[in-house]
Amino acid sequence: MRIAIVTDAWYPQRNGVVRVLGTLHDRLVARGHEVLVVSPDQFFTVPMPTYSEIRLALFAKARVGRMLDAFAPEAVHIPTEGPLGKVARAWCLRRGHPFTTAYHTKFPEYVHARTRLPLPLLRTWIRRFHAPSQAVLAPSPSVFRELTAEGYGNVVEWSHGVDVDTFRPGPKDFFAALPRPIFLYVGRVTVDKNLPAYLALDLPGSKVVVGDGPSRADYMKRFPAVTFHIADGGDTELAACYNAADAFVFPSRTDTFGLVMLEALACGVPVAAFPVTGPTDVLGDSGAGVLDEDLRAAALAALEIPPERCRAHACGFSWETVTDQFLGFLAPLDAAADREPARRRRAGAA
């Protein structure tokens, strides 16, 4: 099948959405599907206000249309609500093509945290964006329930997976100079991640943050006792960072899932988090972590959890299941005639 994925989140961005989409792309290609990724790195971009690491594509309408026409997709997936997502959505609607979307990020809460725009208005805007979608892929049962309660009539549950071959137990020596126990956070360093709730905790040993983002410099000044690190060595270095920790602390209250928790668990590192959407779906009743409104108590209690229990729980999140579900949710374009002009153009060009 020819599958077009039009996304505003792609490499070289570093976040959970990119990791999910990148792995999904690789799994689809490995199964023999032809996948076109339309992403910001192919266009003129500008830095996102207040978050310069994310680039927003501008003046993309005509070129996106040409790319999709030439590719002649049999299914279109739009996983983000940004500029490219809006262009792809309009392209599908103009041609009467079905498409699917995804709710990877609590975008209204994210924008509200950075701009203080009214949350109800933002939620209405995002709901309208997804309204024509054949299926809105929700990455967890909690998000599925939330979106259903908000009036989404087209939402479906979609699993997430973790690469248990890359993220596996290993040596705990990466931060060898730091006193133990080592408490770790991995992810974007942004205001919506609620990091001060972790950074301000009175914990024994050391606190470490691995990641980058617009709030990093501010937090480094405010919390000088915390070790900040950027893993530039790819997944190998990232796995070494996870393995060095004794507990993984996830302070976010707004994540739709939190892939980093699964990666930590796959390395045998227990999780401490608030009992909210994301952590409740990742941990369930596994006993591989501790959920508590008292994040300090959760972090200390997590130290008692055996690594084997964490690893076993993470191994239950299969990428094969994730890929199977994604293919099942896709909305194939039924109008083969609509694809004929593009096929003729490609044949003529050849």
C-alpha atoms as a PDB file:
ATOM      1  CA  MET A   1       0.000   0.000   0.000  1.00  0.00           C
ATOM      2  CA  ARG A   2       1.166   3.550  -0.717  1.00  0.00           C
ATOM      3  CA  ILE A   3       0.797   5.472   2.540  1.00  0.00           C
ATOM      4  CA  ALA A   4       1.356   9.224   2.862  1.00  0.00           C
ATOM      5  CA  ILE A   5       2.187  10.537   6.342  1.00  0.00           C
ATOM      6  CA  VAL A   6       2.104  14.337   6.518  1.00  0.00           C
ATOM      7  CA  THR A   7       3.578  15.491   9.811  1.00  0.00           C
ATOM      8  CA  ASP A   8       4.872  18.643  11.480  1.00  0.00           C
ATOM      9  CA  ALA A   9       6.897  16.477  13.884  1.00  0.00           C
ATOM     10  CA  TRP A  10       9.890  14.740  12.301  1.00  0.00           C
ATOM     11  CA  TYR A  11      13.647  14.479  12.491  1.00  0.00           C
ATOM     12  CA  PRO A  12      15.810  16.271  13.575  1.00  0.00           C
ATOM     13  CA  GLN A  13      13.244  17.083  16.282  1.00  0.00           C
ATOM     14  CA  ARG A  14      13.679  14.988  19.421  1.00  0.00           C
ATOM     15  CA  ASN A  15      10.448  14.019  21.112  1.00  0.00           C
ATOM     16  CA  GLY A  16       8.154  11.077  21.668  1.00  0.00           C
ATOM     17  CA  VAL A  17       5.960  11.821  18.647  1.00  0.00           C
ATOM     18  CA  VAL A  18       8.962  11.706  16.311  1.00  0.00           C
ATOM     19  CA  ARG A  19      10.182   8.462  17.883  1.00  0.00           C
ATOM     20  CA  VAL A  20       6.757   6.858  17.402  1.00  0.00           C
ATOM     21  CA  LEU A  21       6.376   8.041  13.801  1.00  0.00           C
ATOM     22  CA  GLY A  22       9.949   7.145  12.890  1.00  0.00           C
ATOM     23  CA  THR A  23       9.620   3.621  14.238  1.00  0.00           C
ATOM     24  CA  LEU A  24       6.202   3.219  12.594  1.00  0.00           C
ATOM     25  CA  HIS A  25       7.678   4.321   9.260  1.00  0.00           C
ATOM     26  CA  ASP A  26      10.481   1.762   9.541  1.00  0.00           C
ATOM     27  CA  ARG A  27       8.065  -1.040  10.456  1.00  0.00           C
ATOM     28  CA  LEU A  28       5.757  -0.214   7.541  1.00  0.00           C
ATOM     29  CA  VAL A  29       8.635  -0.169   5.060  1.00  0.00           C
ATOM     30  CA  ALA A  30       9.924  -3.464   6.453  1.00  0.00           C
ATOM     31  CA  ARG A  31       6.524  -4.975   5.669  1.00  0.00           C
ATOM     32  CA  GLY A  32       6.770  -3.858   2.053  1.00  0.00           C
ATOM     33  CA  HIS A  33       4.603  -0.734   2.134  1.00  0.00           C
ATOM     34  CA  GLU A  34       5.646   2.381   0.198  1.00  0.00           C
ATOM     35  CA  VAL A  35       5.642   5.324   2.599  1.00  0.00           C
ATOM     36  CA  LEU A  36       5.910   9.019   1.734  1.00  0.00           C
ATOM     37  CA  VAL A  37       6.747  11.277   4.688  1.00  0.00           C
ATOM     38  CA  VAL A  38       6.013  14.971   4.138  1.00  0.00           C
ATOM     39  CA  SER A  39       7.824  16.846   6.912  1.00  0.00           C
ATOM     40  CA  PRO A  40       9.133  20.332   7.792  1.00  0.00           C
ATOM     41  CA  ASP A  41      12.734  19.577   6.745  1.00  0.00           C
ATOM     42  CA  GLN A  42      11.529  19.599   3.100  1.00  0.00           C
ATOM     43  CA  PHE A  43      10.269  23.204   3.234  1.00  0.00           C
ATOM     44  CA  PHE A  44      11.174  26.747   4.180  1.00  0.00           C
ATOM     45  CA  THR A  45      10.676  26.945   7.933  1.00  0.00           C
ATOM     46  CA  VAL A  46      10.696  29.426  10.795  1.00  0.00           C
ATOM     47  CA  PRO A  47      11.252  28.745  14.499  1.00  0.00           C
ATOM     48  CA  MET A  48       8.140  28.105  16.510  1.00  0.00           C
ATOM     49  CA  PRO A  49       7.519  31.081  18.836  1.00  0.00           C
ATOM     50  CA  THR A  50       8.876  30.329  22.343  1.00  0.00           C
ATOM     51  CA  TYR A  51      10.291  26.967  21.144  1.00  0.00           C
ATOM     52  CA  SER A  52      12.948  27.575  18.509  1.00  0.00           C
ATOM     53  CA  GLU A  53      13.997  23.907  18.289  1.00  0.00           C
ATOM     54  CA  ILE A  54      10.717  23.172  16.482  1.00  0.00           C
ATOM     55  CA  ARG A  55      10.530  24.488  12.926  1.00  0.00           C
ATOM     56  CA  LEU A  56       7.213  25.378  11.296  1.00  0.00           C
ATOM     57  CA  ALA A  57       6.832  24.951   7.525  1.00  0.00           C
ATOM     58  CA  LEU A  58       5.609  27.989   5.584  1.00  0.00           C
ATOM     59  CA  PHE A  59       4.330  28.449   2.010  1.00  0.00           C
ATOM     60  CA  ALA A  60       3.879  24.684   1.704  1.00  0.00           C
ATOM     61  CA  LYS A  61       0.414  24.419   0.144  1.00  0.00           C
ATOM     62  CA  ALA A  62       1.357  24.126  -3.521  1.00  0.00           C
ATOM     63  CA  ARG A  63       4.327  21.842  -2.992  1.00  0.00           C
ATOM     64  CA  VAL A  64       2.489  19.501  -0.615  1.00  0.00           C
ATOM     65  CA  GLY A  65      -0.262  19.194  -3.209  1.00  0.00           C
ATOM     66  CA  ARG A  66       2.247  18.341  -5.929  1.00  0.00           C
ATOM     67  CA  MET A  67       3.980  15.786  -3.713  1.00  0.00           C
ATOM     68  CA  LEU A  68       0.726  14.046  -2.849  1.00  0.00           C
ATOM     69  CA  ASP A  69      -0.542  14.141  -6.431  1.00  0.00           C
ATOM     70  CA  ALA A  70       2.703  12.635  -7.703  1.00  0.00           C
ATOM     71  CA  PHE A  71       2.785   9.951  -5.019  1.00  0.00           C
ATOM     72  CA  ALA A  72      -0.886   9.031  -5.535  1.00  0.00           C
ATOM     73  CA  PRO A  73      -1.400   7.690  -2.024  1.00  0.00           C
ATOM     74  CA  GLU A  74      -3.784   4.881  -1.263  1.00  0.00           C
ATOM     75  CA  ALA A  75      -4.136   6.173   2.296  1.00  0.00           C
ATOM     76  CA  VAL A  76      -3.305   9.467   4.015  1.00  0.00           C
ATOM     77  CA  HIS A  77      -2.444   9.855   7.694  1.00  0.00           C
ATOM     78  CA  ILE A  78      -2.094  13.266   9.381  1.00  0.00           C
ATOM     79  CA  PRO A  79      -0.612  12.855  12.882  1.00  0.00           C
ATOM     80  CA  THR A  80      -0.185  16.561  13.766  1.00  0.00           C
ATOM     81  CA  GLU A  81      -2.340  19.671  13.769  1.00  0.00           C
ATOM     82  CA  GLY A  82       0.372  22.091  12.582  1.00  0.00           C
ATOM     83  CA  PRO A  83       0.845  23.914   9.252  1.00  0.00           C
ATOM     84  CA  LEU A  84       1.597  20.788   7.202  1.00  0.00           C
ATOM     85  CA  GLY A  85      -1.252  18.910   8.851  1.00  0.00           C
ATOM     86  CA  LYS A  86      -3.656  21.708   7.918  1.00  0.00           C
ATOM     87  CA  VAL A  87      -2.454  21.708   4.289  1.00  0.00           C
ATOM     88  CA  ALA A  88      -2.825  17.927   3.974  1.00  0.00           C
ATOM     89  CA  ARG A  89      -6.269  18.049   5.581  1.00  0.00           C
ATOM     90  CA  ALA A  90      -7.387  20.692   3.070  1.00  0.00           C
ATOM     91  CA  TRP A  91      -5.929  18.653   0.168  1.00  0.00           C
ATOM     92  CA  CYS A  92      -7.962  15.620   1.223  1.00  0.00           C
ATOM     93  CA  LEU A  93     -11.158  17.576   1.768  1.00  0.00           C
ATOM     94  CA  ARG A  94     -10.938  19.300  -1.624  1.00  0.00           C
ATOM     95  CA  ARG A  95     -10.703  15.921  -3.357  1.00  0.00           C
ATOM     96  CA  GLY A  96     -13.179  14.121  -1.149  1.00  0.00           C
ATOM     97  CA  HIS A  97     -10.444  11.750   0.063  1.00  0.00           C
ATOM     98  CA  PRO A  98     -10.798  10.068   3.452  1.00  0.00           C
ATOM     99  CA  PHE A  99      -7.915  10.388   5.887  1.00  0.00           C
ATOM    100  CA  THR A 100      -6.941   9.530   9.448  1.00  0.00           C
ATOM    101  CA  THR A 101      -5.450  11.716  12.174  1.00  0.00           C
ATOM    102  CA  ALA A 102      -3.866  11.177  15.587  1.00  0.00           C
ATOM    103  CA  TYR A 103      -3.992  12.902  18.967  1.00  0.00           C
ATOM    104  CA  HIS A 104      -0.356  12.472  19.998  1.00  0.00           C
ATOM    105  CA  THR A 105      -0.138  15.663  22.066  1.00  0.00           C
ATOM    106  CA  LYS A 106      -2.564  17.559  24.258  1.00  0.00           C
ATOM    107  CA  PHE A 107      -2.119  20.498  21.931  1.00  0.00           C
ATOM    108  CA  PRO A 108      -4.731  22.768  23.584  1.00  0.00           C
ATOM    109  CA  GLU A 109      -3.081  22.361  26.994  1.00  0.00           C
ATOM    110  CA  TYR A 110       0.369  22.868  25.465  1.00  0.00           C
ATOM    111  CA  VAL A 111      -0.591  26.107  23.700  1.00  0.00           C
ATOM    112  CA  HIS A 112      -2.504  27.329  26.760  1.00  0.00           C
ATOM    113  CA  ALA A 113       0.544  26.778  28.995  1.00  0.00           C
ATOM    114  CA  ARG A 114       2.732  28.860  26.676  1.00  0.00           C
ATOM    115  CA  THR A 115       0.311  31.595  25.582  1.00  0.00           C
ATOM    116  CA  ARG A 116      -2.552  31.610  28.148  1.00  0.00           C
ATOM    117  CA  LEU A 117      -5.065  31.561  25.292  1.00  0.00           C
ATOM    118  CA  PRO A 118      -8.478  30.325  26.506  1.00  0.00           C
ATOM    119  CA  LEU A 119      -8.437  26.541  26.846  1.00  0.00           C
ATOM    120  CA  PRO A 120     -12.093  26.020  25.724  1.00  0.00           C
ATOM    121  CA  LEU A 121     -11.395  27.938  22.511  1.00  0.00           C
ATOM    122  CA  LEU A 122      -8.278  25.874  21.797  1.00  0.00           C
ATOM    123  CA  ARG A 123     -10.124  22.615  22.444  1.00  0.00           C
ATOM    124  CA  THR A 124     -12.911  23.632  20.073  1.00  0.00           C
ATOM    125  CA  TRP A 125     -10.343  24.443  17.355  1.00  0.00           C
ATOM    126  CA  ILE A 126      -8.603  21.090  17.700  1.00  0.00           C
ATOM    127  CA  ARG A 127     -11.909  19.187  17.765  1.00  0.00           C
ATOM    128  CA  ARG A 128     -12.884  20.863  14.486  1.00  0.00           C
ATOM    129  CA  PHE A 129      -9.524  19.931  12.966  1.00  0.00           C
ATOM    130  CA  HIS A 130     -10.172  16.245  13.680  1.00  0.00           C
ATOM    131  CA  ALA A 131     -13.901  16.260  12.907  1.00  0.00           C
ATOM    132  CA  PRO A 132     -13.615  15.125   9.219  1.00  0.00           C
ATOM    133  CA  SER A 133     -11.115  12.368  10.075  1.00  0.00           C
ATOM    134  CA  GLN A 134     -12.233   8.790   9.499  1.00  0.00           C
ATOM    135  CA  ALA A 135     -10.438   7.782  12.699  1.00  0.00           C
ATOM    136  CA  VAL A 136      -8.607   9.817  15.358  1.00  0.00           C
ATOM    137  CA  LEU A 137      -5.920   7.547  16.780  1.00  0.00           C
ATOM    138  CA  ALA A 138      -5.710   7.971  20.563  1.00  0.00           C
ATOM    139  CA  PRO A 139      -2.469   6.624  22.076  1.00  0.00           C
ATOM    140  CA  SER A 140      -3.969   5.406  25.347  1.00  0.00           C
ATOM    141  CA  PRO A 141      -7.273   4.301  26.922  1.00  0.00           C
ATOM    142  CA  SER A 142      -7.355   7.464  29.048  1.00  0.00           C
ATOM    143  CA  VAL A 143      -7.034   9.758  26.030  1.00  0.00           C
ATOM    144  CA  PHE A 144      -9.704   7.712  24.245  1.00  0.00           C
ATOM    145  CA  ARG A 145     -12.087   8.285  27.165  1.00  0.00           C
ATOM    146  CA  GLU A 146     -11.230  11.991  27.400  1.00  0.00           C
ATOM    147  CA  LEU A 147     -11.783  12.643  23.704  1.00  0.00           C
ATOM    148  CA  THR A 148     -15.026  10.656  23.705  1.00  0.00           C
ATOM    149  CA  ALA A 149     -16.259  12.725  26.655  1.00  0.00           C
ATOM    150  CA  GLU A 150     -15.345  15.911  24.759  1.00  0.00           C
ATOM    151  CA  GLY A 151     -17.601  14.917  21.855  1.00  0.00           C
ATOM    152  CA  TYR A 152     -15.215  13.209  19.438  1.00  0.00           C
ATOM    153  CA  GLY A 153     -17.310  10.625  17.603  1.00  0.00           C
ATOM    154  CA  ASN A 154     -14.488   9.156  15.527  1.00  0.00           C
ATOM    155  CA  VAL A 155     -11.803   8.295  18.099  1.00  0.00           C
ATOM    156  CA  VAL A 156     -10.165   4.838  18.303  1.00  0.00           C
ATOM    157  CA  GLU A 157      -7.682   3.333  20.760  1.00  0.00           C
ATOM    158  CA  TRP A 158      -4.168   2.832  19.418  1.00  0.00           C
ATOM    159  CA  SER A 159      -1.407   1.054  21.293  1.00  0.00           C
ATOM    160  CA  HIS A 160       2.178   2.294  21.585  1.00  0.00           C
ATOM    161  CA  GLY A 161       5.303   0.168  21.522  1.00  0.00           C
ATOM    162  CA  VAL A 162       8.892   0.230  22.702  1.00  0.00           C
ATOM    163  CA  ASP A 163      12.083  -1.078  21.077  1.00  0.00           C
ATOM    164  CA  VAL A 164      13.114  -3.633  23.696  1.00  0.00           C
ATOM    165  CA  ASP A 165      16.217  -4.594  21.720  1.00  0.00           C
ATOM    166  CA  THR A 166      17.677  -1.080  21.906  1.00  0.00           C
ATOM    167  CA  PHE A 167      16.350  -0.282  25.371  1.00  0.00           C
ATOM    168  CA  ARG A 168      17.425  -3.154  27.594  1.00  0.00           C
ATOM    169  CA  PRO A 169      19.206  -3.547  30.950  1.00  0.00           C
ATOM    170  CA  GLY A 170      22.889  -2.633  30.855  1.00  0.00           C
ATOM    171  CA  PRO A 171      25.756  -1.140  32.868  1.00  0.00           C
ATOM    172  CA  LYS A 172      24.837   1.565  35.378  1.00  0.00           C
ATOM    173  CA  ASP A 173      28.055   3.539  34.997  1.00  0.00           C
ATOM    174  CA  PHE A 174      27.118   6.433  32.680  1.00  0.00           C
ATOM    175  CA  PHE A 175      26.782   8.923  35.552  1.00  0.00           C
ATOM    176  CA  ALA A 176      29.352   7.106  37.687  1.00  0.00           C
ATOM    177  CA  ALA A 177      30.614  10.263  39.403  1.00  0.00           C
ATOM    178  CA  LEU A 178      27.191  11.119  40.847  1.00  0.00           C
ATOM    179  CA  PRO A 179      26.101   9.914  44.293  1.00  0.00           C
ATOM    180  CA  ARG A 180      23.318   7.364  44.384  1.00  0.00           C
ATOM    181  CA  PRO A 181      20.441   6.870  44.185  1.00  0.00           C
ATOM    182  CA  ILE A 182      20.122   8.549  40.794  1.00  0.00           C
ATOM    183  CA  PHE A 183      16.689   9.890  39.854  1.00  0.00           C
ATOM    184  CA  LEU A 184      16.251  10.567  36.135  1.00  0.00           C
ATOM    185  CA  TYR A 185      13.981  12.486  33.779  1.00  0.00           C
ATOM    186  CA  VAL A 186      14.308  12.137  29.987  1.00  0.00           C
ATOM    187  CA  GLY A 187      12.367  14.273  27.549  1.00  0.00           C
ATOM    188  CA  ARG A 188      11.674  17.767  26.296  1.00  0.00           C
ATOM    189  CA  VAL A 189      12.550  20.513  28.760  1.00  0.00           C
ATOM    190  CA  THR A 190       9.465  22.667  28.314  1.00  0.00           C
ATOM    191  CA  VAL A 191       6.973  24.380  30.574  1.00  0.00           C
ATOM    192  CA  ASP A 192       4.208  21.871  29.856  1.00  0.00           C
ATOM    193  CA  LYS A 193       6.288  18.988  31.285  1.00  0.00           C
ATOM    194  CA  ASN A 194       5.858  20.337  34.840  1.00  0.00           C
ATOM    195  CA  LEU A 195       9.553  19.724  35.556  1.00  0.00           C
ATOM    196  CA  PRO A 196       9.851  21.962  38.652  1.00  0.00           C
ATOM    197  CA  ALA A 197       7.610  19.445  40.451  1.00  0.00           C
ATOM    198  CA  TYR A 198      10.535  17.016  40.093  1.00  0.00           C
ATOM    199  CA  LEU A 199      13.487  19.392  40.226  1.00  0.00           C
ATOM    200  CA  ALA A 200      12.386  20.936  43.544  1.00  0.00           C
ATOM    201  CA  LEU A 201      11.986  17.581  45.321  1.00  0.00           C
ATOM    202  CA  ASP A 202      14.097  16.899  48.388  1.00  0.00           C
ATOM    203  CA  LEU A 203      15.576  13.547  47.380  1.00  0.00           C
ATOM    204  CA  PRO A 204      18.714  11.686  48.430  1.00  0.00           C
ATOM    205  CA  GLY A 205      21.518  11.128  45.916  1.00  0.00           C
ATOM    206  CA  SER A 206      21.282  12.916  42.568  1.00  0.00           C
ATOM    207  CA  LYS A 207      18.697  14.300  40.153  1.00  0.00           C
ATOM    208  CA  VAL A 208      19.435  14.183  36.420  1.00  0.00           C
ATOM    209  CA  VAL A 209      17.632  15.695  33.421  1.00  0.00           C
ATOM    210  CA  VAL A 210      18.436  14.379  29.943  1.00  0.00           C
ATOM    211  CA  GLY A 211      16.993  16.498  27.154  1.00  0.00           C
ATOM    212  CA  ASP A 212      16.798  19.950  25.626  1.00  0.00           C
ATOM    213  CA  GLY A 213      14.169  22.613  25.220  1.00  0.00           C
ATOM    214  CA  PRO A 214      13.390  26.300  25.717  1.00  0.00           C
ATOM    215  CA  SER A 215      13.162  26.036  29.527  1.00  0.00           C
ATOM    216  CA  ARG A 216      16.523  24.317  29.985  1.00  0.00           C
ATOM    217  CA  ALA A 217      18.663  27.409  30.599  1.00  0.00           C
ATOM    218  CA  ASP A 218      16.158  28.786  33.115  1.00  0.00           C
ATOM    219  CA  TYR A 219      15.951  25.503  35.033  1.00  0.00           C
ATOM    220  CA  MET A 220      19.736  25.154  35.103  1.00  0.00           C
ATOM    221  CA  LYS A 221      19.946  28.520  36.874  1.00  0.00           C
ATOM    222  CA  ARG A 222      17.064  27.819  39.240  1.00  0.00           C
ATOM    223  CA  PHE A 223      18.189  24.291  40.173  1.00  0.00           C
ATOM    224  CA  PRO A 224      22.018  24.292  40.158  1.00  0.00           C
ATOM    225  CA  ALA A 225      22.236  21.019  42.112  1.00  0.00           C
ATOM    226  CA  VAL A 226      20.575  19.109  39.243  1.00  0.00           C
ATOM    227  CA  THR A 227      22.736  17.516  36.527  1.00  0.00           C
ATOM    228  CA  PHE A 228      21.597  18.448  33.003  1.00  0.00           C
ATOM    229  CA  HIS A 229      22.753  16.388  30.031  1.00  0.00           C
ATOM    230  CA  ILE A 230      22.008  16.217  26.292  1.00  0.00           C
ATOM    231  CA  ALA A 231      22.360  12.756  24.749  1.00  0.00           C
ATOM    232  CA  ASP A 232      23.931  13.435  21.355  1.00  0.00           C
ATOM    233  CA  GLY A 233      25.042   9.834  20.833  1.00  0.00           C
ATOM    234  CA  GLY A 234      21.670   8.554  19.631  1.00  0.00           C
ATOM    235  CA  ASP A 235      19.728   5.685  21.147  1.00  0.00           C
ATOM    236  CA  THR A 236      22.860   3.940  22.427  1.00  0.00           C
ATOM    237  CA  GLU A 237      23.759   6.883  24.662  1.00  0.00           C
ATOM    238  CA  LEU A 238      20.126   7.377  25.621  1.00  0.00           C
ATOM    239  CA  ALA A 239      19.847   3.746  26.726  1.00  0.00           C
ATOM    240  CA  ALA A 240      23.037   4.187  28.778  1.00  0.00           C
ATOM    241  CA  CYS A 241      21.447   7.196  30.499  1.00  0.00           C
ATOM    242  CA  TYR A 242      18.351   5.196  31.379  1.00  0.00           C
ATOM    243  CA  ASN A 243      20.425   2.312  32.703  1.00  0.00           C
ATOM    244  CA  ALA A 244      22.432   4.605  34.963  1.00  0.00           C
ATOM    245  CA  ALA A 245      19.285   5.558  36.896  1.00  0.00           C
ATOM    246  CA  ASP A 246      17.754   3.916  39.958  1.00  0.00           C
ATOM    247  CA  ALA A 247      14.321   5.457  39.356  1.00  0.00           C
ATOM    248  CA  PHE A 248      12.692   7.394  36.524  1.00  0.00           C
ATOM    249  CA  VAL A 249      10.593  10.392  37.604  1.00  0.00           C
ATOM    250  CA  PHE A 250       7.895  11.601  35.212  1.00  0.00           C
ATOM    251  CA  PRO A 251       6.269  14.817  36.508  1.00  0.00           C
ATOM    252  CA  SER A 252       4.072  15.652  33.493  1.00  0.00           C
ATOM    253  CA  ARG A 253       0.334  15.945  34.036  1.00  0.00           C
ATOM    254  CA  THR A 254      -0.560  16.542  30.369  1.00  0.00           C
ATOM    255  CA  ASP A 255       1.172  13.830  28.296  1.00  0.00           C
ATOM    256  CA  THR A 256      -1.098  11.598  26.252  1.00  0.00           C
ATOM    257  CA  PHE A 257       1.168   8.597  26.824  1.00  0.00           C
ATOM    258  CA  GLY A 258       4.838   9.140  27.694  1.00  0.00           C
ATOM    259  CA  LEU A 259       7.020   6.821  25.609  1.00  0.00           C
ATOM    260  CA  VAL A 260      10.042   7.645  27.785  1.00  0.00           C
ATOM    261  CA  MET A 261       8.444   5.731  30.649  1.00  0.00           C
ATOM    262  CA  LEU A 262       8.322   2.583  28.526  1.00  0.00           C
ATOM    263  CA  GLU A 263      11.942   3.061  27.481  1.00  0.00           C
ATOM    264  CA  ALA A 264      12.988   3.383  31.130  1.00  0.00           C
ATOM    265  CA  LEU A 265      11.005   0.285  32.090  1.00  0.00           C
ATOM    266  CA  ALA A 266      12.556  -1.675  29.218  1.00  0.00           C
ATOM    267  CA  CYS A 267      15.956  -0.853  30.773  1.00  0.00           C
ATOM    268  CA  GLY A 268      14.744  -2.214  34.108  1.00  0.00           C
ATOM    269  CA  VAL A 269      14.237   1.213  35.717  1.00  0.00           C
ATOM    270  CA  PRO A 270      11.026   1.731  37.774  1.00  0.00           C
ATOM    271  CA  VAL A 271       8.821   4.792  37.236  1.00  0.00           C
ATOM    272  CA  ALA A 272       7.472   7.368  39.672  1.00  0.00           C
ATOM    273  CA  ALA A 273       4.695   9.642  38.449  1.00  0.00           C
ATOM    274  CA  PHE A 274       1.440  11.367  39.262  1.00  0.00           C
ATOM    275  CA  PRO A 275      -1.736   9.248  38.871  1.00  0.00           C
ATOM    276  CA  VAL A 276      -2.831  10.942  35.641  1.00  0.00           C
ATOM    277  CA  THR A 277      -3.350  10.166  31.951  1.00  0.00           C
ATOM    278  CA  GLY A 278      -0.182   8.670  30.502  1.00  0.00           C
ATOM    279  CA  PRO A 279       1.368   7.100  33.609  1.00  0.00           C
ATOM    280  CA  THR A 280      -1.849   5.261  34.487  1.00  0.00           C
ATOM    281  CA  ASP A 281      -1.970   3.769  30.989  1.00  0.00           C
ATOM    282  CA  VAL A 282       1.708   2.844  30.872  1.00  0.00           C
ATOM    283  CA  LEU A 283       1.881   1.303  34.342  1.00  0.00           C
ATOM    284  CA  GLY A 284      -1.637  -0.009  34.893  1.00  0.00           C
ATOM    285  CA  ASP A 285      -1.549  -2.518  37.759  1.00  0.00           C
ATOM    286  CA  SER A 286       1.857  -3.894  36.744  1.00  0.00           C
ATOM    287  CA  GLY A 287       3.672  -2.931  39.922  1.00  0.00           C
ATOM    288  CA  ALA A 288       6.510  -1.610  37.719  1.00  0.00           C
ATOM    289  CA  GLY A 289       6.139   1.891  39.126  1.00  0.00           C
ATOM    290  CA  VAL A 290       4.476   4.028  41.753  1.00  0.00           C
ATOM    291  CA  LEU A 291       1.714   6.568  41.149  1.00  0.00           C
ATOM    292  CA  ASP A 292       1.119   9.104  43.898  1.00  0.00           C
ATOM    293  CA  GLU A 293       0.103  12.749  44.216  1.00  0.00           C
ATOM    294  CA  ASP A 294       3.109  12.947  46.535  1.00  0.00           C
ATOM    295  CA  LEU A 295       5.813  12.674  43.856  1.00  0.00           C
ATOM    296  CA  ARG A 296       8.617  12.455  46.422  1.00  0.00           C
ATOM    297  CA  ALA A 297       6.970   9.485  48.106  1.00  0.00           C
ATOM    298  CA  ALA A 298       6.475   7.842  44.706  1.00  0.00           C
ATOM    299  CA  ALA A 299      10.148   8.362  43.772  1.00  0.00           C
ATOM    300  CA  LEU A 300      11.417   6.863  47.039  1.00  0.00           C
ATOM    301  CA  ALA A 301       9.012   3.910  46.876  1.00  0.00           C
ATOM    302  CA  ALA A 302      10.029   3.168  43.275  1.00  0.00           C
ATOM    303  CA  LEU A 303      13.555   2.375  44.465  1.00  0.00           C
ATOM    304  CA  GLU A 304      12.215  -0.849  45.996  1.00  0.00           C
ATOM    305  CA  ILE A 305      10.837  -2.264  42.725  1.00  0.00           C
ATOM    306  CA  PRO A 306      12.901  -5.090  41.166  1.00  0.00           C
ATOM    307  CA  PRO A 307      14.278  -4.352  37.654  1.00  0.00           C
ATOM    308  CA  GLU A 308      12.991  -7.688  36.332  1.00  0.00           C
ATOM    309  CA  ARG A 309       9.389  -6.626  36.942  1.00  0.00           C
ATOM    310  CA  CYS A 310       9.933  -3.393  34.961  1.00  0.00           C
ATOM    311  CA  ARG A 311      11.524  -5.167  32.003  1.00  0.00           C
ATOM    312  CA  ALA A 312       8.806  -7.822  31.859  1.00  0.00           C
ATOM    313  CA  HIS A 313       6.067  -5.193  31.765  1.00  0.00           C
ATOM    314  CA  ALA A 314       7.744  -3.195  28.977  1.00  0.00           C
ATOM    315  CA  CYS A 315       8.156  -6.316  26.846  1.00  0.00           C
ATOM    316  CA  GLY A 316       4.361  -6.544  26.647  1.00  0.00           C
ATOM    317  CA  PHE A 317       4.191  -3.422  24.444  1.00  0.00           C
ATOM    318  CA  SER A 318       4.722  -4.858  20.971  1.00  0.00           C
ATOM    319  CA  TRP A 319       5.483  -2.783  17.867  1.00  0.00           C
ATOM    320  CA  GLU A 320       3.927  -5.536  15.780  1.00  0.00           C
ATOM    321  CA  THR A 321       0.586  -4.828  17.459  1.00  0.00           C
ATOM    322  CA  VAL A 322       1.042  -1.070  16.991  1.00  0.00           C
ATOM    323  CA  THR A 323       1.692  -1.519  13.262  1.00  0.00           C
ATOM    324  CA  ASP A 324      -1.191  -3.971  12.789  1.00  0.00           C
ATOM    325  CA  GLN A 325      -3.605  -1.552  14.443  1.00  0.00           C
ATOM    326  CA  PHE A 326      -2.365   1.401  12.399  1.00  0.00           C
ATOM    327  CA  LEU A 327      -2.910  -0.453   9.124  1.00  0.00           C
ATOM    328  CA  GLY A 328      -6.368  -1.516  10.271  1.00  0.00           C
ATOM    329  CA  PHE A 329      -7.375   2.069  11.058  1.00  0.00           C
ATOM    330  CA  LEU A 330      -6.252   3.541   7.721  1.00  0.00           C
ATOM    331  CA  ALA A 331      -8.989   4.800   5.385  1.00  0.00           C
ATOM    332  CA  PRO A 332      -8.048   3.702   1.836  1.00  0.00           C
ATOM    333  CA  LEU A 333      -8.978   6.032  -0.980  1.00  0.00           C
ATOM    334  CA  ASP A 334     -11.753   4.276  -2.904  1.00  0.00           C
ATOM    335  CA  ALA A 335     -11.678   6.452  -6.010  1.00  0.00           C
ATOM    336  CA  ALA A 336      -9.034   4.788  -8.143  1.00  0.00           C
ATOM    337  CA  ALA A 337      -9.952   7.195 -10.951  1.00  0.00           C
ATOM    338  CA  ASP A 338      -8.737  10.092  -8.825  1.00  0.00           C
ATOM    339  CA  ARG A 339      -5.280   8.562  -8.837  1.00  0.00           C
ATOM    340  CA  GLU A 340      -5.161   8.011 -12.606  1.00  0.00           C
ATOM    341  CA  PRO A 341      -3.991  11.515 -13.574  1.00  0.00           C
ATOM    342  CA  ALA A 342      -1.041  11.243 -11.207  1.00  0.00           C
ATOM    343  CA  ARG A 343      -0.152   7.833 -12.594  1.00  0.00           C
ATOM    344  CA  ARG A 344      -0.225   9.243 -16.147  1.00  0.00           C
ATOM    345  CA  ARG A 345       1.993  12.142 -15.103  1.00  0.00           C
ATOM    346  CA  ARG A 346       4.505   9.781 -13.535  1.00  0.00           C
ATOM    347  CA  ALA A 347       4.463   7.537 -16.600  1.00  0.00           C
ATOM    348  CA  GLY A 348       5.004  10.528 -18.869  1.00  0.00           C
ATOM    349  CA  ALA A 349       7.883  11.780 -16.731  1.00  0.00           C
ATOM    350  CA  ALA A 350       9.518   8.367 -16.921  1.00  0.00           C
END
